[in-house]
Protein backbone atom coordinates (compact mmCIF):
# COMPACT_ATOMS: atom_id res chain seq x y z
CA MET A 1 185.62 64.11 78.59
CA ALA A 2 182.77 61.68 79.35
CA ASN A 3 181.81 58.97 76.82
CA GLN A 4 178.59 59.80 74.99
CA GLU A 5 177.50 56.33 75.44
CA GLU A 6 177.76 56.62 79.30
CA ASN A 7 175.19 59.46 79.34
CA LYS A 8 172.80 57.88 76.84
CA GLN A 9 169.08 57.67 77.70
CA PRO A 10 166.38 55.60 76.26
CA ILE A 11 164.05 57.38 73.65
CA GLU A 12 161.10 55.58 75.01
CA LYS A 13 160.06 53.98 78.32
CA ILE A 14 157.03 51.62 78.74
CA PRO A 15 156.34 50.55 82.31
CA ILE A 16 154.02 47.60 82.86
CA GLY A 17 153.83 46.47 86.52
CA SER A 18 157.20 45.85 87.93
CA VAL A 19 158.96 45.65 84.35
CA THR A 20 159.84 48.42 82.05
CA LEU A 21 160.65 48.10 78.43
CA LEU A 22 163.29 50.65 77.11
CA LYS A 23 163.80 51.69 73.49
CA TRP A 24 167.27 52.86 72.50
CA GLU A 25 168.49 54.69 69.35
CA ASN A 26 171.84 53.65 68.18
CA THR A 27 173.94 54.48 65.20
CA SER A 28 176.23 51.93 63.32
CA ARG A 29 179.81 52.66 62.52
CA LYS A 30 178.35 53.41 58.99
CA GLY A 31 176.04 56.10 60.33
CA LYS A 32 172.80 53.99 59.92
CA LYS A 33 170.32 54.45 62.71
CA PHE A 34 168.86 51.51 64.43
CA HIS A 35 166.85 50.58 67.69
CA SER A 36 167.55 48.10 70.33
CA TYR A 37 165.47 47.16 73.30
CA SER A 38 166.09 46.53 76.93
CA ILE A 39 163.81 44.93 79.75
CA VAL A 40 164.47 46.01 83.30
CA LYS A 41 162.87 44.89 86.57
CA LYS A 42 163.93 46.44 89.86
CA VAL A 43 164.16 43.52 92.33
CA THR A 44 164.49 43.90 96.17
CA VAL A 45 166.96 41.56 97.83
CA PHE A 46 168.49 41.20 101.31
CA ASN A 47 171.47 43.42 101.95
CA ASP A 48 174.58 41.14 102.53
CA LYS A 49 175.84 42.87 105.45
CA ASP A 50 172.36 43.15 107.19
CA LYS A 51 169.73 40.71 106.50
CA THR A 52 166.92 42.82 108.15
CA LYS A 53 167.50 45.45 105.42
CA PHE A 54 166.66 45.17 101.58
CA THR A 55 168.20 46.80 98.76
CA GLY A 56 166.88 47.34 95.17
CA GLN A 57 168.99 45.93 92.35
CA ILE A 58 168.21 46.39 88.68
CA MET A 59 168.13 43.14 86.48
CA ALA A 60 168.43 43.76 82.71
CA VAL A 61 168.29 42.01 79.52
CA ASN A 62 169.97 44.12 77.01
CA LEU A 63 170.64 44.27 73.21
CA LEU A 64 167.31 42.87 72.07
CA ASN A 65 165.91 43.61 68.61
CA ARG A 66 162.39 43.95 67.62
CA TYR A 67 162.42 40.20 66.39
CA ASP A 68 163.55 39.20 70.05
CA LEU A 69 160.65 41.21 71.33
CA ARG A 70 158.20 39.40 68.98
CA ASP A 71 159.66 36.04 70.06
CA ILE A 72 159.40 36.87 73.89
CA LYS A 73 155.73 37.91 73.18
CA GLN A 74 155.03 34.52 71.66
CA ALA A 75 156.77 32.56 74.32
CA ILE A 76 154.93 34.50 77.10
CA THR A 77 151.66 33.83 75.12
CA LYS A 78 152.40 30.27 74.92
CA MET A 79 153.26 30.06 78.63
CA GLN A 80 150.02 31.76 79.64
CA ASP A 81 148.08 29.35 77.58
CA ASN A 82 149.76 26.22 78.92
CA GLU A 83 149.16 27.62 82.70
CA GLU A 84 145.43 28.22 81.81
CA GLY A 85 145.21 24.83 80.38
CA ALA A 86 146.67 23.29 83.62
CA GLU A 87 143.90 24.90 85.75
């Protein structure tokens, strides 16, 4: 019998450009529901065996909570402000 976690699908997907934010619903050992988030990006890389071919790979940051998302947003805003100030 397949593990239920292996077939789990996100409850929400928000694609922006080449990045997708995924929202997952989880249940703690005590039965309490909570959400976690993943940021995924499909990147194209050279095929190791044939450098003329490219393959798609998924890069992911998993197990984020809503506070991590807030911090990431603040970091991106600060980086954008710094880049605009350097122009």
